[in-house]
PDB file of N, CA and C in Angstrom:
ATOM      1  N   MET A   1      29.017 125.391  87.592  1.00  0.00           N
ATOM      2  CA  MET A   1      30.052 125.100  85.967  1.00  0.00           C
ATOM      3  C   MET A   1      29.426 126.509  85.945  1.00  0.00           C
ATOM      4  N   THR A   2      30.627 127.111  85.304  1.00  0.00           N
ATOM      5  CA  THR A   2      29.922 128.678  84.853  1.00  0.00           C
ATOM      6  C   THR A   2      30.010 128.457  83.273  1.00  0.00           C
ATOM      7  N   CYS A   3      28.909 129.286  82.675  1.00  0.00           N
ATOM      8  CA  CYS A   3      28.680 129.575  81.062  1.00  0.00           C
ATOM      9  C   CYS A   3      29.494 130.833  80.759  1.00  0.00           C
ATOM     10  N   ILE A   4      30.058 130.925  79.842  1.00  0.00           N
ATOM     11  CA  ILE A   4      29.841 132.041  79.706  1.00  0.00           C
ATOM     12  C   ILE A   4      30.166 132.309  77.797  1.00  0.00           C
ATOM     13  N   VAL A   5      29.291 134.028  76.943  1.00  0.00           N
ATOM     14  CA  VAL A   5      30.398 134.042  75.910  1.00  0.00           C
ATOM     15  C   VAL A   5      31.047 135.062  75.550  1.00  0.00           C
ATOM     16  N   LEU A   6      31.806 134.010  74.855  1.00  0.00           N
ATOM     17  CA  LEU A   6      33.147 135.091  74.871  1.00  0.00           C
ATOM     18  C   LEU A   6      32.389 136.155  73.800  1.00  0.00           C
ATOM     19  N   GLU A   7      32.698 137.512  74.275  1.00  0.00           N
ATOM     20  CA  GLU A   7      32.299 138.710  73.674  1.00  0.00           C
ATOM     21  C   GLU A   7      33.289 138.941  72.887  1.00  0.00           C
ATOM     22  N   LYS A   8      33.019 139.376  72.119  1.00  0.00           N
ATOM     23  CA  LYS A   8      33.757 140.870  70.949  1.00  0.00           C
ATOM     24  C   LYS A   8      35.123 141.516  71.916  1.00  0.00           C
ATOM     25  N   GLY A   9      36.108 141.346  71.801  1.00  0.00           N
ATOM     26  CA  GLY A   9      37.175 141.981  72.218  1.00  0.00           C
ATOM     27  C   GLY A   9      37.668 141.006  73.433  1.00  0.00           C
ATOM     28  N   GLN A  10      37.271 140.159  74.050  1.00  0.00           N
ATOM     29  CA  GLN A  10      38.036 139.251  75.191  1.00  0.00           C
ATOM     30  C   GLN A  10      38.783 138.684  74.247  1.00  0.00           C
ATOM     31  N   LYS A  11      39.294 138.302  75.538  1.00  0.00           N
ATOM     32  CA  LYS A  11      40.887 136.884  74.975  1.00  0.00           C
ATOM     33  C   LYS A  11      40.325 136.134  75.945  1.00  0.00           C
ATOM     34  N   LEU A  12      40.445 134.480  75.271  1.00  0.00           N
ATOM     35  CA  LEU A  12      39.734 133.537  75.647  1.00  0.00           C
ATOM     36  C   LEU A  12      41.011 133.297  76.736  1.00  0.00           C
ATOM     37  N   GLU A  13      42.333 133.978  76.527  1.00  0.00           N
ATOM     38  CA  GLU A  13      43.349 133.197  77.972  1.00  0.00           C
ATOM     39  C   GLU A  13      42.725 133.726  79.437  1.00  0.00           C
ATOM     40  N   ASN A  14      42.286 134.930  79.056  1.00  0.00           N
ATOM     41  CA  ASN A  14      42.156 135.876  80.132  1.00  0.00           C
ATOM     42  C   ASN A  14      40.437 135.238  81.091  1.00  0.00           C
ATOM     43  N   VAL A  15      40.004 134.746  80.316  1.00  0.00           N
ATOM     44  CA  VAL A  15      38.287 134.328  80.831  1.00  0.00           C
ATOM     45  C   VAL A  15      38.896 132.639  81.502  1.00  0.00           C
ATOM     46  N   MET A  16      39.987 132.295  80.973  1.00  0.00           N
ATOM     47  CA  MET A  16      40.534 130.656  81.708  1.00  0.00           C
ATOM     48  C   MET A  16      40.364 131.006  83.032  1.00  0.00           C
ATOM     49  N   GLU A  17      41.176 132.149  83.179  1.00  0.00           N
ATOM     50  CA  GLU A  17      42.073 131.624  84.465  1.00  0.00           C
ATOM     51  C   GLU A  17      41.395 131.298  85.646  1.00  0.00           C
ATOM     52  N   GLY A  18      41.872 130.748  86.482  1.00  0.00           N
ATOM     53  CA  GLY A  18      41.289 130.325  87.631  1.00  0.00           C
ATOM     54  C   GLY A  18      40.921 128.806  87.654  1.00  0.00           C
ATOM     55  N   TYR A  19      40.284 128.534  86.731  1.00  0.00           N
ATOM     56  CA  TYR A  19      39.574 127.021  86.518  1.00  0.00           C
ATOM     57  C   TYR A  19      40.615 125.750  85.816  1.00  0.00           C
ATOM     58  N   GLU A  20      39.742 124.413  86.165  1.00  0.00           N
ATOM     59  CA  GLU A  20      40.437 122.893  86.594  1.00  0.00           C
ATOM     60  C   GLU A  20      40.143 122.500  84.394  1.00  0.00           C
ATOM     61  N   LYS A  21      39.032 122.820  84.192  1.00  0.00           N
ATOM     62  CA  LYS A  21      38.679 122.775  83.345  1.00  0.00           C
ATOM     63  C   LYS A  21      37.873 123.450  82.550  1.00  0.00           C
ATOM     64  N   VAL A  22      38.024 123.606  80.837  1.00  0.00           N
ATOM     65  CA  VAL A  22      37.694 124.725  80.446  1.00  0.00           C
ATOM     66  C   VAL A  22      37.764 124.060  78.894  1.00  0.00           C
ATOM     67  N   ILE A  23      36.053 123.766  78.954  1.00  0.00           N
ATOM     68  CA  ILE A  23      35.485 123.077  77.363  1.00  0.00           C
ATOM     69  C   ILE A  23      35.123 124.507  76.326  1.00  0.00           C
ATOM     70  N   VAL A  24      35.944 124.606  75.822  1.00  0.00           N
ATOM     71  CA  VAL A  24      35.622 125.523  74.837  1.00  0.00           C
ATOM     72  C   VAL A  24      34.601 125.067  73.293  1.00  0.00           C
ATOM     73  N   GLN A  25      33.683 125.631  72.982  1.00  0.00           N
ATOM     74  CA  GLN A  25      33.154 125.705  71.839  1.00  0.00           C
ATOM     75  C   GLN A  25      33.222 125.951  70.732  1.00  0.00           C
ATOM     76  N   PHE A  26      33.006 125.695  69.902  1.00  0.00           N
ATOM     77  CA  PHE A  26      33.627 126.869  68.784  1.00  0.00           C
ATOM     78  C   PHE A  26      31.968 126.709  67.922  1.00  0.00           C
ATOM     79  N   SER A  27      31.257 127.992  67.661  1.00  0.00           N
ATOM     80  CA  SER A  27      30.062 127.708  66.717  1.00  0.00           C
ATOM     81  C   SER A  27      29.599 129.091  66.121  1.00  0.00           C
ATOM     82  N   ALA A  28      28.032 129.410  65.668  1.00  0.00           N
ATOM     83  CA  ALA A  28      28.097 130.302  64.846  1.00  0.00           C
ATOM     84  C   ALA A  28      26.686 130.446  65.379  1.00  0.00           C
ATOM     85  N   ASP A  29      26.416 131.947  64.940  1.00  0.00           N
ATOM     86  CA  ASP A  29      24.176 132.068  65.219  1.00  0.00           C
ATOM     87  C   ASP A  29      23.954 131.251  64.544  1.00  0.00           C
ATOM     88  N   TRP A  30      24.563 130.849  62.684  1.00  0.00           N
ATOM     89  CA  TRP A  30      24.013 130.725  61.631  1.00  0.00           C
ATOM     90  C   TRP A  30      23.515 128.847  61.491  1.00  0.00           C
ATOM     91  N   CYS A  31      24.815 128.357  62.129  1.00  0.00           N
ATOM     92  CA  CYS A  31      25.117 126.300  62.590  1.00  0.00           C
ATOM     93  C   CYS A  31      23.859 126.345  63.338  1.00  0.00           C
ATOM     94  N   ARG A  32      23.082 125.455  62.052  1.00  0.00           N
ATOM     95  CA  ARG A  32      21.486 124.822  62.626  1.00  0.00           C
ATOM     96  C   ARG A  32      22.395 123.550  63.823  1.00  0.00           C
ATOM     97  N   PRO A  33      23.704 122.818  63.469  1.00  0.00           N
ATOM     98  CA  PRO A  33      23.941 121.850  64.215  1.00  0.00           C
ATOM     99  C   PRO A  33      24.521 122.385  65.552  1.00  0.00           C
ATOM    100  N   CYS A  34      24.962 123.365  65.831  1.00  0.00           N
ATOM    101  CA  CYS A  34      25.248 124.353  66.877  1.00  0.00           C
ATOM    102  C   CYS A  34      24.029 124.648  67.896  1.00  0.00           C
ATOM    103  N   LYS A  35      22.966 124.835  67.126  1.00  0.00           N
ATOM    104  CA  LYS A  35      21.994 125.365  67.358  1.00  0.00           C
ATOM    105  C   LYS A  35      21.736 124.562  68.582  1.00  0.00           C
ATOM    106  N   PHE A  36      21.697 123.141  68.268  1.00  0.00           N
ATOM    107  CA  PHE A  36      21.046 121.985  68.415  1.00  0.00           C
ATOM    108  C   PHE A  36      22.326 121.358  69.725  1.00  0.00           C
ATOM    109  N   ILE A  37      23.077 121.540  69.473  1.00  0.00           N
ATOM    110  CA  ILE A  37      23.897 120.236  70.560  1.00  0.00           C
ATOM    111  C   ILE A  37      24.521 121.727  71.610  1.00  0.00           C
ATOM    112  N   THR A  38      24.738 123.046  71.546  1.00  0.00           N
ATOM    113  CA  THR A  38      24.531 123.841  72.491  1.00  0.00           C
ATOM    114  C   THR A  38      23.607 123.580  73.454  1.00  0.00           C
ATOM    115  N   PRO A  39      22.838 123.969  73.573  1.00  0.00           N
ATOM    116  CA  PRO A  39      21.769 123.815  74.954  1.00  0.00           C
ATOM    117  C   PRO A  39      21.951 122.224  76.209  1.00  0.00           C
ATOM    118  N   VAL A  40      22.174 121.127  74.734  1.00  0.00           N
ATOM    119  CA  VAL A  40      22.105 120.088  75.095  1.00  0.00           C
ATOM    120  C   VAL A  40      23.098 119.616  76.153  1.00  0.00           C
ATOM    121  N   VAL A  41      24.507 120.106  75.467  1.00  0.00           N
ATOM    122  CA  VAL A  41      25.619 120.095  76.028  1.00  0.00           C
ATOM    123  C   VAL A  41      25.377 120.632  76.938  1.00  0.00           C
ATOM    124  N   LYS A  42      25.491 122.400  77.199  1.00  0.00           N
ATOM    125  CA  LYS A  42      24.944 122.583  78.201  1.00  0.00           C
ATOM    126  C   LYS A  42      24.333 122.665  79.956  1.00  0.00           C
ATOM    127  N   ASN A  43      22.762 121.831  79.074  1.00  0.00           N
ATOM    128  CA  ASN A  43      21.852 121.812  80.305  1.00  0.00           C
ATOM    129  C   ASN A  43      22.852 120.482  81.173  1.00  0.00           C
ATOM    130  N   LYS A  44      22.964 119.682  80.166  1.00  0.00           N
ATOM    131  CA  LYS A  44      23.941 117.914  80.693  1.00  0.00           C
ATOM    132  C   LYS A  44      24.906 118.501  81.800  1.00  0.00           C
ATOM    133  N   MET A  45      26.309 119.423  81.056  1.00  0.00           N
ATOM    134  CA  MET A  45      27.351 120.063  82.272  1.00  0.00           C
ATOM    135  C   MET A  45      26.695 120.652  83.367  1.00  0.00           C
ATOM    136  N   GLU A  46      25.480 121.193  83.298  1.00  0.00           N
ATOM    137  CA  GLU A  46      25.112 122.075  84.638  1.00  0.00           C
ATOM    138  C   GLU A  46      24.697 120.799  85.470  1.00  0.00           C
ATOM    139  N   GLU A  47      23.644 119.703  84.683  1.00  0.00           N
ATOM    140  CA  GLU A  47      23.528 118.861  85.938  1.00  0.00           C
ATOM    141  C   GLU A  47      24.293 118.623  86.750  1.00  0.00           C
ATOM    142  N   MET A  48      25.286 117.991  85.803  1.00  0.00           N
ATOM    143  CA  MET A  48      26.262 117.489  86.153  1.00  0.00           C
ATOM    144  C   MET A  48      27.166 117.770  87.781  1.00  0.00           C
ATOM    145  N   THR A  49      26.872 118.869  87.460  1.00  0.00           N
ATOM    146  CA  THR A  49      27.742 120.165  88.338  1.00  0.00           C
ATOM    147  C   THR A  49      26.939 120.324  89.670  1.00  0.00           C
ATOM    148  N   SER A  50      25.284 120.271  89.373  1.00  0.00           N
ATOM    149  CA  SER A  50      24.890 120.694  90.091  1.00  0.00           C
ATOM    150  C   SER A  50      24.707 120.132  91.445  1.00  0.00           C
ATOM    151  N   ASP A  51      24.908 118.976  92.033  1.00  0.00           N
ATOM    152  CA  ASP A  51      25.022 118.496  92.900  1.00  0.00           C
ATOM    153  C   ASP A  51      26.567 118.597  93.976  1.00  0.00           C
ATOM    154  N   ASN A  52      27.061 119.353  93.169  1.00  0.00           N
ATOM    155  CA  ASN A  52      28.538 119.421  93.331  1.00  0.00           C
ATOM    156  C   ASN A  52      29.565 121.134  93.759  1.00  0.00           C
ATOM    157  N   PRO A  53      29.353 121.201  94.527  1.00  0.00           N
ATOM    158  CA  PRO A  53      29.322 122.669  94.269  1.00  0.00           C
ATOM    159  C   PRO A  53      30.879 123.282  94.196  1.00  0.00           C
ATOM    160  N   GLU A  54      31.804 121.945  94.578  1.00  0.00           N
ATOM    161  CA  GLU A  54      33.320 122.334  94.164  1.00  0.00           C
ATOM    162  C   GLU A  54      33.770 122.213  92.997  1.00  0.00           C
ATOM    163  N   LEU A  55      33.352 121.086  92.340  1.00  0.00           N
ATOM    164  CA  LEU A  55      33.093 120.925  91.333  1.00  0.00           C
ATOM    165  C   LEU A  55      32.885 122.199  90.580  1.00  0.00           C
ATOM    166  N   LYS A  56      31.337 123.022  90.863  1.00  0.00           N
ATOM    167  CA  LYS A  56      30.738 123.693  89.802  1.00  0.00           C
ATOM    168  C   LYS A  56      31.566 124.997  89.562  1.00  0.00           C
ATOM    169  N   ASN A  57      33.121 125.168  90.358  1.00  0.00           N
ATOM    170  CA  ASN A  57      33.515 125.937  90.597  1.00  0.00           C
ATOM    171  C   ASN A  57      35.049 125.949  89.983  1.00  0.00           C
ATOM    172  N   LYS A  58      34.945 124.861  89.976  1.00  0.00           N
ATOM    173  CA  LYS A  58      36.100 124.263  88.920  1.00  0.00           C
ATOM    174  C   LYS A  58      36.380 124.042  87.338  1.00  0.00           C
ATOM    175  N   ILE A  59      35.022 124.205  86.716  1.00  0.00           N
ATOM    176  CA  ILE A  59      34.631 124.058  85.627  1.00  0.00           C
ATOM    177  C   ILE A  59      34.289 125.150  84.867  1.00  0.00           C
ATOM    178  N   LEU A  60      34.464 125.549  83.528  1.00  0.00           N
ATOM    179  CA  LEU A  60      34.233 126.650  82.503  1.00  0.00           C
ATOM    180  C   LEU A  60      33.596 126.614  81.232  1.00  0.00           C
ATOM    181  N   TYR A  61      32.615 126.945  80.476  1.00  0.00           N
ATOM    182  CA  TYR A  61      31.987 126.023  79.657  1.00  0.00           C
ATOM    183  C   TYR A  61      32.139 128.125  78.560  1.00  0.00           C
ATOM    184  N   VAL A  62      32.537 127.775  77.714  1.00  0.00           N
ATOM    185  CA  VAL A  62      33.206 129.342  76.861  1.00  0.00           C
ATOM    186  C   VAL A  62      32.483 129.115  75.503  1.00  0.00           C
ATOM    187  N   TYR A  63      31.670 129.920  75.101  1.00  0.00           N
ATOM    188  CA  TYR A  63      31.245 129.390  73.457  1.00  0.00           C
ATOM    189  C   TYR A  63      31.590 130.459  72.947  1.00  0.00           C
ATOM    190  N   VAL A  64      32.377 130.288  71.937  1.00  0.00           N
ATOM    191  CA  VAL A  64      32.854 130.878  71.369  1.00  0.00           C
ATOM    192  C   VAL A  64      32.288 131.409  69.709  1.00  0.00           C
ATOM    193  N   ASN A  65      31.786 132.347  69.170  1.00  0.00           N
ATOM    194  CA  ASN A  65      31.331 132.174  67.925  1.00  0.00           C
ATOM    195  C   ASN A  65      32.222 132.991  66.873  1.00  0.00           C
ATOM    196  N   ILE A  66      32.230 132.588  65.934  1.00  0.00           N
ATOM    197  CA  ILE A  66      33.537 132.588  65.108  1.00  0.00           C
ATOM    198  C   ILE A  66      33.735 133.650  64.207  1.00  0.00           C
ATOM    199  N   GLU A  67      32.406 134.057  64.222  1.00  0.00           N
ATOM    200  CA  GLU A  67      32.465 135.003  63.230  1.00  0.00           C
ATOM    201  C   GLU A  67      32.604 136.393  64.387  1.00  0.00           C
ATOM    202  N   GLU A  68      32.343 136.400  65.396  1.00  0.00           N
ATOM    203  CA  GLU A  68      33.332 137.513  65.964  1.00  0.00           C
ATOM    204  C   GLU A  68      34.372 137.084  66.356  1.00  0.00           C
ATOM    205  N   HIS A  69      34.933 136.134  66.076  1.00  0.00           N
ATOM    206  CA  HIS A  69      36.285 135.889  66.910  1.00  0.00           C
ATOM    207  C   HIS A  69      37.067 134.944  65.855  1.00  0.00           C
ATOM    208  N   ARG A  70      37.367 135.999  64.518  1.00  0.00           N
ATOM    209  CA  ARG A  70      38.126 134.676  63.301  1.00  0.00           C
ATOM    210  C   ARG A  70      39.560 134.367  63.399  1.00  0.00           C
ATOM    211  N   ILE A  71      40.460 135.587  64.007  1.00  0.00           N
ATOM    212  CA  ILE A  71      41.590 135.412  64.855  1.00  0.00           C
ATOM    213  C   ILE A  71      41.645 133.906  65.340  1.00  0.00           C
ATOM    214  N   LEU A  72      41.558 134.333  67.016  1.00  0.00           N
ATOM    215  CA  LEU A  72      40.543 132.873  67.339  1.00  0.00           C
ATOM    216  C   LEU A  72      40.946 131.654  66.900  1.00  0.00           C
ATOM    217  N   SER A  73      39.784 131.833  65.798  1.00  0.00           N
ATOM    218  CA  SER A  73      39.079 130.211  65.108  1.00  0.00           C
ATOM    219  C   SER A  73      40.552 130.161  64.323  1.00  0.00           C
ATOM    220  N   ALA A  74      41.336 130.717  63.652  1.00  0.00           N
ATOM    221  CA  ALA A  74      42.214 130.724  62.387  1.00  0.00           C
ATOM    222  C   ALA A  74      43.477 130.193  63.006  1.00  0.00           C
ATOM    223  N   GLN A  75      43.215 130.666  64.282  1.00  0.00           N
ATOM    224  CA  GLN A  75      44.453 130.130  65.564  1.00  0.00           C
ATOM    225  C   GLN A  75      44.810 128.757  65.915  1.00  0.00           C
ATOM    226  N   CYS A  76      43.103 128.594  65.827  1.00  0.00           N
ATOM    227  CA  CYS A  76      43.043 126.984  66.428  1.00  0.00           C
ATOM    228  C   CYS A  76      42.670 126.072  65.674  1.00  0.00           C
ATOM    229  N   ASN A  77      42.867 126.570  64.079  1.00  0.00           N
ATOM    230  CA  ASN A  77      42.283 125.667  62.937  1.00  0.00           C
ATOM    231  C   ASN A  77      41.125 125.502  62.310  1.00  0.00           C
ATOM    232  N   ILE A  78      39.752 126.131  62.890  1.00  0.00           N
ATOM    233  CA  ILE A  78      38.919 125.786  63.204  1.00  0.00           C
ATOM    234  C   ILE A  78      37.887 125.450  61.685  1.00  0.00           C
ATOM    235  N   THR A  79      38.051 123.947  61.034  1.00  0.00           N
ATOM    236  CA  THR A  79      37.191 123.834  59.999  1.00  0.00           C
ATOM    237  C   THR A  79      35.809 123.567  59.826  1.00  0.00           C
ATOM    238  N   TYR A  80      35.284 123.661  60.913  1.00  0.00           N
ATOM    239  CA  TYR A  80      34.165 123.114  60.819  1.00  0.00           C
ATOM    240  C   TYR A  80      33.397 123.269  62.391  1.00  0.00           C
ATOM    241  N   ILE A  81      31.949 123.136  62.587  1.00  0.00           N
ATOM    242  CA  ILE A  81      31.585 123.565  63.651  1.00  0.00           C
ATOM    243  C   ILE A  81      30.027 123.089  63.615  1.00  0.00           C
ATOM    244  N   PRO A  82      29.877 122.258  65.004  1.00  0.00           N
ATOM    245  CA  PRO A  82      30.493 123.304  66.428  1.00  0.00           C
ATOM    246  C   PRO A  82      31.239 121.825  66.479  1.00  0.00           C
ATOM    247  N   CYS A  83      32.204 122.657  67.296  1.00  0.00           N
ATOM    248  CA  CYS A  83      34.186 122.236  67.510  1.00  0.00           C
ATOM    249  C   CYS A  83      34.302 122.596  68.868  1.00  0.00           C
ATOM    250  N   PHE A  84      34.938 120.785  69.523  1.00  0.00           N
ATOM    251  CA  PHE A  84      35.130 121.165  71.175  1.00  0.00           C
ATOM    252  C   PHE A  84      36.577 120.802  71.764  1.00  0.00           C
ATOM    253  N   HIS A  85      36.795 122.078  71.936  1.00  0.00           N
ATOM    254  CA  HIS A  85      38.147 121.791  72.507  1.00  0.00           C
ATOM    255  C   HIS A  85      38.288 122.246  74.369  1.00  0.00           C
ATOM    256  N   ILE A  86      39.224 121.817  74.696  1.00  0.00           N
ATOM    257  CA  ILE A  86      39.306 121.482  76.186  1.00  0.00           C
ATOM    258  C   ILE A  86      40.708 122.045  76.588  1.00  0.00           C
ATOM    259  N   LYS A  87      40.896 122.851  78.127  1.00  0.00           N
ATOM    260  CA  LYS A  87      42.145 123.778  78.202  1.00  0.00           C
ATOM    261  C   LYS A  87      42.239 122.721  80.164  1.00  0.00           C
ATOM    262  N   THR A  88      43.394 122.548  80.409  1.00  0.00           N
ATOM    263  CA  THR A  88      43.464 121.765  81.466  1.00  0.00           C
ATOM    264  C   THR A  88      44.635 122.731  82.181  1.00  0.00           C
ATOM    265  N   PRO A  89      44.960 122.493  83.814  1.00  0.00           N
ATOM    266  CA  PRO A  89      46.038 122.860  84.544  1.00  0.00           C
ATOM    267  C   PRO A  89      47.143 123.501  83.907  1.00  0.00           C
ATOM    268  N   GLY A  90      47.596 124.821  83.502  1.00  0.00           N
ATOM    269  CA  GLY A  90      48.812 124.517  83.247  1.00  0.00           C
ATOM    270  C   GLY A  90      49.015 124.827  81.446  1.00  0.00           C
ATOM    271  N   GLY A  91      47.859 124.470  81.153  1.00  0.00           N
ATOM    272  CA  GLY A  91      47.777 124.229  79.659  1.00  0.00           C
ATOM    273  C   GLY A  91      47.309 125.844  78.926  1.00  0.00           C
ATOM    274  N   ASN A  92      47.274 125.914  77.722  1.00  0.00           N
ATOM    275  CA  ASN A  92      46.754 126.917  76.875  1.00  0.00           C
ATOM    276  C   ASN A  92      45.437 126.201  75.715  1.00  0.00           C
ATOM    277  N   VAL A  93      45.094 126.445  75.396  1.00  0.00           N
ATOM    278  CA  VAL A  93      43.777 125.778  74.558  1.00  0.00           C
ATOM    279  C   VAL A  93      44.665 124.916  73.601  1.00  0.00           C
ATOM    280  N   ASP A  94      44.063 123.454  73.545  1.00  0.00           N
ATOM    281  CA  ASP A  94      44.669 122.510  72.562  1.00  0.00           C
ATOM    282  C   ASP A  94      43.769 123.197  71.190  1.00  0.00           C
ATOM    283  N   CYS A  95      44.384 123.149  70.281  1.00  0.00           N
ATOM    284  CA  CYS A  95      44.367 123.777  69.322  1.00  0.00           C
ATOM    285  C   CYS A  95      44.084 122.849  68.385  1.00  0.00           C
ATOM    286  N   ASN A  96      43.689 121.549  68.969  1.00  0.00           N
ATOM    287  CA  ASN A  96      43.543 119.946  67.536  1.00  0.00           C
ATOM    288  C   ASN A  96      42.229 120.459  67.816  1.00  0.00           C
ATOM    289  N   PRO A  97      41.745 120.260  66.939  1.00  0.00           N
ATOM    290  CA  PRO A  97      39.639 119.834  67.096  1.00  0.00           C
ATOM    291  C   PRO A  97      39.731 118.169  67.959  1.00  0.00           C
ATOM    292  N   ILE A  98      39.146 118.621  68.754  1.00  0.00           N
ATOM    293  CA  ILE A  98      39.065 117.000  69.807  1.00  0.00           C
ATOM    294  C   ILE A  98      37.799 116.380  69.171  1.00  0.00           C
ATOM    295  N   VAL A  99      36.305 117.439  69.498  1.00  0.00           N
ATOM    296  CA  VAL A  99      35.478 116.278  68.976  1.00  0.00           C
ATOM    297  C   VAL A  99      34.256 117.482  67.839  1.00  0.00           C
ATOM    298  N   SER A 100      33.433 116.867  67.325  1.00  0.00           N
ATOM    299  CA  SER A 100      32.555 117.736  66.913  1.00  0.00           C
ATOM    300  C   SER A 100      31.340 116.888  66.281  1.00  0.00           C
ATOM    301  N   GLY A 101      30.440 117.497  65.778  1.00  0.00           N
ATOM    302  CA  GLY A 101      28.931 116.188  65.647  1.00  0.00           C
ATOM    303  C   GLY A 101      27.778 116.038  67.197  1.00  0.00           C
ATOM    304  N   ASN A 102      27.919 115.459  67.148  1.00  0.00           N
ATOM    305  CA  ASN A 102      26.376 114.878  68.140  1.00  0.00           C
ATOM    306  C   ASN A 102      26.829 114.524  69.484  1.00  0.00           C
ATOM    307  N   SER A 103      25.978 115.671  70.561  1.00  0.00           N
ATOM    308  CA  SER A 103      25.917 115.083  72.160  1.00  0.00           C
ATOM    309  C   SER A 103      26.776 114.344  73.017  1.00  0.00           C
ATOM    310  N   GLU A 104      26.427 113.216  72.088  1.00  0.00           N
ATOM    311  CA  GLU A 104      26.719 111.743  72.621  1.00  0.00           C
ATOM    312  C   GLU A 104      28.553 112.013  72.937  1.00  0.00           C
ATOM    313  N   VAL A 105      28.551 112.244  71.624  1.00  0.00           N
ATOM    314  CA  VAL A 105      30.473 112.168  71.529  1.00  0.00           C
ATOM    315  C   VAL A 105      30.828 113.547  72.037  1.00  0.00           C
ATOM    316  N   VAL A 106      30.476 114.581  72.195  1.00  0.00           N
ATOM    317  CA  VAL A 106      30.660 115.206  73.021  1.00  0.00           C
ATOM    318  C   VAL A 106      30.950 115.190  75.197  1.00  0.00           C
ATOM    319  N   ILE A 107      29.955 114.613  75.386  1.00  0.00           N
ATOM    320  CA  ILE A 107      29.434 113.707  76.812  1.00  0.00           C
ATOM    321  C   ILE A 107      30.685 112.515  76.694  1.00  0.00           C
ATOM    322  N   GLU A 108      31.044 111.536  76.105  1.00  0.00           N
ATOM    323  CA  GLU A 108      32.054 110.499  75.773  1.00  0.00           C
ATOM    324  C   GLU A 108      33.387 111.230  76.002  1.00  0.00           C
ATOM    325  N   PHE A 109      33.700 112.675  75.413  1.00  0.00           N
ATOM    326  CA  PHE A 109      34.707 113.074  75.831  1.00  0.00           C
ATOM    327  C   PHE A 109      35.129 113.668  77.019  1.00  0.00           C
ATOM    328  N   CYS A 110      34.176 114.382  77.116  1.00  0.00           N
ATOM    329  CA  CYS A 110      34.181 115.063  78.853  1.00  0.00           C
ATOM    330  C   CYS A 110      33.980 113.600  79.856  1.00  0.00           C
ATOM    331  N   ILE A 111      33.798 112.911  79.855  1.00  0.00           N
ATOM    332  CA  ILE A 111      33.748 111.793  80.399  1.00  0.00           C
ATOM    333  C   ILE A 111      35.630 110.814  80.041  1.00  0.00           C
ATOM    334  N   ASN A 112      35.782 110.552  79.455  1.00  0.00           N
ATOM    335  CA  ASN A 112      36.932 110.101  78.776  1.00  0.00           C
ATOM    336  C   ASN A 112      38.218 111.147  79.468  1.00  0.00           C
ATOM    337  N   ASN A 113      38.048 112.497  79.795  1.00  0.00           N
ATOM    338  CA  ASN A 113      38.738 113.589  80.082  1.00  0.00           C
ATOM    339  C   ASN A 113      38.099 114.237  81.562  1.00  0.00           C
ATOM    340  N   GLY A 114      38.359 113.108  82.529  1.00  0.00           N
ATOM    341  CA  GLY A 114      37.947 112.907  83.736  1.00  0.00           C
ATOM    342  C   GLY A 114      36.851 114.554  83.563  1.00  0.00           C
ATOM    343  N   ILE A 115      36.056 115.159  83.475  1.00  0.00           N
ATOM    344  CA  ILE A 115      34.585 115.524  83.236  1.00  0.00           C
ATOM    345  C   ILE A 115      33.348 114.824  83.888  1.00  0.00           C
ATOM    346  N   PRO A 116      32.813 114.502  84.640  1.00  0.00           N
ATOM    347  CA  PRO A 116      31.890 113.283  85.090  1.00  0.00           C
ATOM    348  C   PRO A 116      30.808 114.294  85.251  1.00  0.00           C
ATOM    349  N   PHE A 117      30.423 113.257  83.888  1.00  0.00           N
ATOM    350  CA  PHE A 117      28.594 113.297  84.010  1.00  0.00           C
ATOM    351  C   PHE A 117      28.036 112.193  84.737  1.00  0.00           C
ATOM    352  N   LYS A 118      26.300 112.837  85.195  1.00  0.00           N
ATOM    353  CA  LYS A 118      25.975 111.833  86.055  1.00  0.00           C
ATOM    354  C   LYS A 118      24.922 111.259  84.549  1.00  0.00           C
ATOM    355  N   GLU A 119      24.808 109.829  85.041  1.00  0.00           N
ATOM    356  CA  GLU A 119      23.834 108.947  84.425  1.00  0.00           C
ATOM    357  C   GLU A 119      22.621 109.233  84.307  1.00  0.00           C
TER     358      GLU A 119
END
C-alpha cells in the first residue's frame, strides 16, 4: 500500500490515478483522535499488504489536512474529524462521510468494502 500526505496545492484527483481503492483520511494536526487513529489504521493497512505485492500497488492511503485543504474539505462536507472516505475504480471521491471514530470502525468498514485485513 502506498501512503501519502496530500500537499498544499496538490489535487486529490491527480494522486488517485492508477489505484483501485483509495482511502482518504481527513484530519488536522491539532486533532488528538486523529493523532491516535492515523498510525493505527496506516500500520494495519501496511501489515495487510505486506504479504501481497499485487495488492500493495492497488491501494492508496491519502492523509488530507483540513487546514491546508479547506475547499476540498468543504466540498466533501467534512464536519468532524477524523473522517474516512473511499474511492473505487471509475468513481470520484465519495463525499459522504463514511466512518469516523475508532480504528475498529475503520477496519470493519474496509473489510466490508473489499479491503482485506489480516486477522
